[in-house]
């Protein structure tokens, strides 16, 4: 799953910055990285640290695991939240736009996120087959 996320987020390019200012392999926002670092090891995270593959993957994986825990290991909701943001997903569920199990990804209001989820699931399956 992490390979699929990295592929979609940065195409395995550690020094990339998005137009939204997300950084590194897993395209982390600084605020998210700092929050995850405080939970994991309480180390100071600087902007340049987000371009370090080991640090970025450690923090990005921690964030994805947090999302999985929040959604009772529902991979679909965790993937949607990773891309669209936790607040959006919570609002979409509350408003009945998407189901609480995430099974109706075609109803995601952001076409980019819908495509992202489909790409992640496709690549996830590909990596499972490759490394099985």
C-alpha atoms as a PDB file:
ATOM      1  CA  UNK A   1       0.000   0.000   0.000  1.00  0.00           C
ATOM      2  CA  UNK A   2       2.794   2.411   0.864  1.00  0.00           C
ATOM      3  CA  UNK A   3       4.458   1.720  -2.498  1.00  0.00           C
ATOM      4  CA  UNK A   4       1.170   2.568  -4.217  1.00  0.00           C
ATOM      5  CA  UNK A   5       0.835   5.794  -2.247  1.00  0.00           C
ATOM      6  CA  UNK A   6       4.416   6.834  -2.988  1.00  0.00           C
ATOM      7  CA  UNK A   7       3.942   6.013  -6.683  1.00  0.00           C
ATOM      8  CA  UNK A   8       0.812   8.182  -6.844  1.00  0.00           C
ATOM      9  CA  UNK A   9       2.123  11.007  -4.685  1.00  0.00           C
ATOM     10  CA  UNK A  10       5.665  11.515  -5.984  1.00  0.00           C
ATOM     11  CA  UNK A  11       6.452   8.796  -8.527  1.00  0.00           C
ATOM     12  CA  UNK A  12       9.302   7.834  -6.161  1.00  0.00           C
ATOM     13  CA  UNK A  13      10.948  11.291  -6.474  1.00  0.00           C
ATOM     14  CA  UNK A  14      12.104  12.294  -2.966  1.00  0.00           C
ATOM     15  CA  UNK A  15      12.764  15.978  -3.714  1.00  0.00           C
ATOM     16  CA  UNK A  16       9.369  16.929  -5.134  1.00  0.00           C
ATOM     17  CA  UNK A  17       7.132  19.679  -3.723  1.00  0.00           C
ATOM     18  CA  UNK A  18       3.497  19.972  -4.768  1.00  0.00           C
ATOM     19  CA  UNK A  19       1.620  23.150  -5.603  1.00  0.00           C
ATOM     20  CA  UNK A  20      -0.057  22.743  -2.195  1.00  0.00           C
ATOM     21  CA  UNK A  21       3.441  22.665  -0.595  1.00  0.00           C
ATOM     22  CA  UNK A  22       3.374  18.949   0.277  1.00  0.00           C
ATOM     23  CA  UNK A  23       6.872  17.506   0.312  1.00  0.00           C
ATOM     24  CA  UNK A  24       8.817  14.347  -0.369  1.00  0.00           C
ATOM     25  CA  UNK A  25       7.963  10.801  -1.334  1.00  0.00           C
ATOM     26  CA  UNK A  26       4.639  10.654   0.486  1.00  0.00           C
ATOM     27  CA  UNK A  27       3.840  14.335  -0.100  1.00  0.00           C
ATOM     28  CA  UNK A  28       3.458  15.370   3.510  1.00  0.00           C
ATOM     29  CA  UNK A  29       2.324  18.757   4.669  1.00  0.00           C
ATOM     30  CA  UNK A  30       4.664  20.184   7.303  1.00  0.00           C
ATOM     31  CA  UNK A  31       1.883  20.413   9.892  1.00  0.00           C
ATOM     32  CA  UNK A  32       1.032  16.732   9.448  1.00  0.00           C
ATOM     33  CA  UNK A  33       4.699  15.741   9.599  1.00  0.00           C
ATOM     34  CA  UNK A  34       5.247  17.688  12.816  1.00  0.00           C
ATOM     35  CA  UNK A  35       2.124  16.196  14.379  1.00  0.00           C
ATOM     36  CA  UNK A  36       3.166  12.637  13.472  1.00  0.00           C
ATOM     37  CA  UNK A  37       6.727  13.239  14.669  1.00  0.00           C
ATOM     38  CA  UNK A  38       5.396  14.410  18.043  1.00  0.00           C
ATOM     39  CA  UNK A  39       3.387  11.194  18.327  1.00  0.00           C
ATOM     40  CA  UNK A  40       6.186   8.848  17.216  1.00  0.00           C
ATOM     41  CA  UNK A  41       9.416  10.131  18.680  1.00  0.00           C
ATOM     42  CA  UNK A  42       9.020  13.806  19.564  1.00  0.00           C
ATOM     43  CA  UNK A  43      11.909  14.809  17.321  1.00  0.00           C
ATOM     44  CA  UNK A  44      11.981  18.237  15.702  1.00  0.00           C
ATOM     45  CA  UNK A  45      11.093  18.054  12.021  1.00  0.00           C
ATOM     46  CA  UNK A  46      12.439  20.692   9.680  1.00  0.00           C
ATOM     47  CA  UNK A  47      11.359  21.325   6.095  1.00  0.00           C
ATOM     48  CA  UNK A  48      14.502  19.688   4.695  1.00  0.00           C
ATOM     49  CA  UNK A  49      13.759  16.521   6.713  1.00  0.00           C
ATOM     50  CA  UNK A  50      10.673  15.904   4.591  1.00  0.00           C
ATOM     51  CA  UNK A  51      12.912  15.315   1.575  1.00  0.00           C
ATOM     52  CA  UNK A  52      14.804  12.579   3.416  1.00  0.00           C
ATOM     53  CA  UNK A  53      13.217   9.306   2.226  1.00  0.00           C
ATOM     54  CA  UNK A  54      13.561   7.504   5.560  1.00  0.00           C
ATOM     55  CA  UNK A  55      12.007  10.358   7.537  1.00  0.00           C
ATOM     56  CA  UNK A  56       9.258  10.986   4.988  1.00  0.00           C
ATOM     57  CA  UNK A  57       8.242   7.341   4.784  1.00  0.00           C
ATOM     58  CA  UNK A  58       8.335   6.952   8.580  1.00  0.00           C
ATOM     59  CA  UNK A  59       6.046   9.958   9.068  1.00  0.00           C
ATOM     60  CA  UNK A  60       3.837   9.207   6.064  1.00  0.00           C
ATOM     61  CA  UNK A  61       3.373   5.599   7.130  1.00  0.00           C
ATOM     62  CA  UNK A  62       2.537   6.749  10.636  1.00  0.00           C
ATOM     63  CA  UNK A  63      -0.085   9.120   9.235  1.00  0.00           C
ATOM     64  CA  UNK A  64      -1.621   6.420   7.049  1.00  0.00           C
ATOM     65  CA  UNK A  65      -1.687   4.019  10.024  1.00  0.00           C
ATOM     66  CA  UNK A  66      -3.408   6.740  12.061  1.00  0.00           C
ATOM     67  CA  UNK A  67      -6.065   7.095   9.329  1.00  0.00           C
ATOM     68  CA  UNK A  68      -6.535   3.322   9.229  1.00  0.00           C
ATOM     69  CA  UNK A  69      -7.031   3.283  12.991  1.00  0.00           C
ATOM     70  CA  UNK A  70      -9.491   6.146  12.799  1.00  0.00           C
ATOM     71  CA  UNK A  71     -11.566   4.261  10.239  1.00  0.00           C
ATOM     72  CA  UNK A  72     -11.372   0.792  11.836  1.00  0.00           C
ATOM     73  CA  UNK A  73      -8.885  -0.487   9.228  1.00  0.00           C
ATOM     74  CA  UNK A  74     -11.109   0.612   6.341  1.00  0.00           C
ATOM     75  CA  UNK A  75      -8.511   1.049   3.633  1.00  0.00           C
ATOM     76  CA  UNK A  76     -10.858   2.922   1.275  1.00  0.00           C
ATOM     77  CA  UNK A  77     -11.663   5.643   3.799  1.00  0.00           C
ATOM     78  CA  UNK A  78      -8.005   5.940   4.804  1.00  0.00           C
ATOM     79  CA  UNK A  79      -6.965   6.396   1.164  1.00  0.00           C
ATOM     80  CA  UNK A  80      -9.703   8.971   0.570  1.00  0.00           C
ATOM     81  CA  UNK A  81      -8.675  10.885   3.703  1.00  0.00           C
ATOM     82  CA  UNK A  82      -4.993  10.736   2.778  1.00  0.00           C
ATOM     83  CA  UNK A  83      -5.783  12.564  -0.451  1.00  0.00           C
ATOM     84  CA  UNK A  84      -8.785  14.779   0.300  1.00  0.00           C
ATOM     85  CA  UNK A  85      -8.202  15.429   3.983  1.00  0.00           C
ATOM     86  CA  UNK A  86      -9.775  14.091   7.109  1.00  0.00           C
ATOM     87  CA  UNK A  87     -12.209  16.988   7.485  1.00  0.00           C
ATOM     88  CA  UNK A  88     -13.617  16.501   4.001  1.00  0.00           C
ATOM     89  CA  UNK A  89     -14.169  12.784   4.509  1.00  0.00           C
ATOM     90  CA  UNK A  90     -15.901  13.349   7.841  1.00  0.00           C
ATOM     91  CA  UNK A  91     -18.183  15.951   6.253  1.00  0.00           C
ATOM     92  CA  UNK A  92     -18.971  13.751   3.231  1.00  0.00           C
ATOM     93  CA  UNK A  93     -19.945  10.867   5.516  1.00  0.00           C
ATOM     94  CA  UNK A  94     -22.006  13.166   7.745  1.00  0.00           C
ATOM     95  CA  UNK A  95     -23.799  14.635   4.705  1.00  0.00           C
ATOM     96  CA  UNK A  96     -24.438  11.174   3.250  1.00  0.00           C
ATOM     97  CA  UNK A  97     -22.332  11.899   0.165  1.00  0.00           C
ATOM     98  CA  UNK A  98     -20.221   8.805   0.734  1.00  0.00           C
ATOM     99  CA  UNK A  99     -21.021   5.740   2.800  1.00  0.00           C
ATOM    100  CA  UNK A 100     -19.301   5.181   6.115  1.00  0.00           C
ATOM    101  CA  UNK A 101     -17.553   2.164   4.577  1.00  0.00           C
ATOM    102  CA  UNK A 102     -16.225   4.139   1.590  1.00  0.00           C
ATOM    103  CA  UNK A 103     -17.593   1.596  -0.869  1.00  0.00           C
ATOM    104  CA  UNK A 104     -19.161   4.207  -3.129  1.00  0.00           C
ATOM    105  CA  UNK A 105     -16.047   5.992  -4.342  1.00  0.00           C
ATOM    106  CA  UNK A 106     -17.912   7.142  -7.445  1.00  0.00           C
ATOM    107  CA  UNK A 107     -19.751   9.613  -5.172  1.00  0.00           C
ATOM    108  CA  UNK A 108     -16.593  11.371  -3.984  1.00  0.00           C
ATOM    109  CA  UNK A 109     -17.159  15.044  -4.854  1.00  0.00           C
ATOM    110  CA  UNK A 110     -13.556  15.585  -5.955  1.00  0.00           C
ATOM    111  CA  UNK A 111     -12.886  13.858  -9.277  1.00  0.00           C
ATOM    112  CA  UNK A 112      -9.149  14.037  -8.522  1.00  0.00           C
ATOM    113  CA  UNK A 113      -9.680  12.076  -5.301  1.00  0.00           C
ATOM    114  CA  UNK A 114     -11.896   9.515  -7.000  1.00  0.00           C
ATOM    115  CA  UNK A 115      -9.199   8.957  -9.633  1.00  0.00           C
ATOM    116  CA  UNK A 116      -6.538   8.873  -6.902  1.00  0.00           C
ATOM    117  CA  UNK A 117      -8.377   6.113  -5.015  1.00  0.00           C
ATOM    118  CA  UNK A 118      -8.795   4.064  -8.178  1.00  0.00           C
ATOM    119  CA  UNK A 119      -5.102   4.484  -9.032  1.00  0.00           C
ATOM    120  CA  UNK A 120      -3.998   3.521  -5.520  1.00  0.00           C
ATOM    121  CA  UNK A 121      -6.177   0.404  -5.543  1.00  0.00           C
ATOM    122  CA  UNK A 122      -4.912  -0.608  -8.993  1.00  0.00           C
ATOM    123  CA  UNK A 123      -1.266  -0.087  -8.055  1.00  0.00           C
ATOM    124  CA  UNK A 124      -1.750  -1.751  -4.669  1.00  0.00           C
ATOM    125  CA  UNK A 125      -3.001  -4.873  -6.419  1.00  0.00           C
ATOM    126  CA  UNK A 126      -0.079  -4.707  -8.840  1.00  0.00           C
ATOM    127  CA  UNK A 127       2.445  -4.509  -5.977  1.00  0.00           C
ATOM    128  CA  UNK A 128       0.709  -7.364  -4.151  1.00  0.00           C
ATOM    129  CA  UNK A 129       1.055  -9.512  -7.249  1.00  0.00           C
ATOM    130  CA  UNK A 130       4.680  -8.480  -7.768  1.00  0.00           C
ATOM    131  CA  UNK A 131       5.839  -9.111  -4.219  1.00  0.00           C
ATOM    132  CA  UNK A 132       3.615 -12.017  -3.261  1.00  0.00           C
END
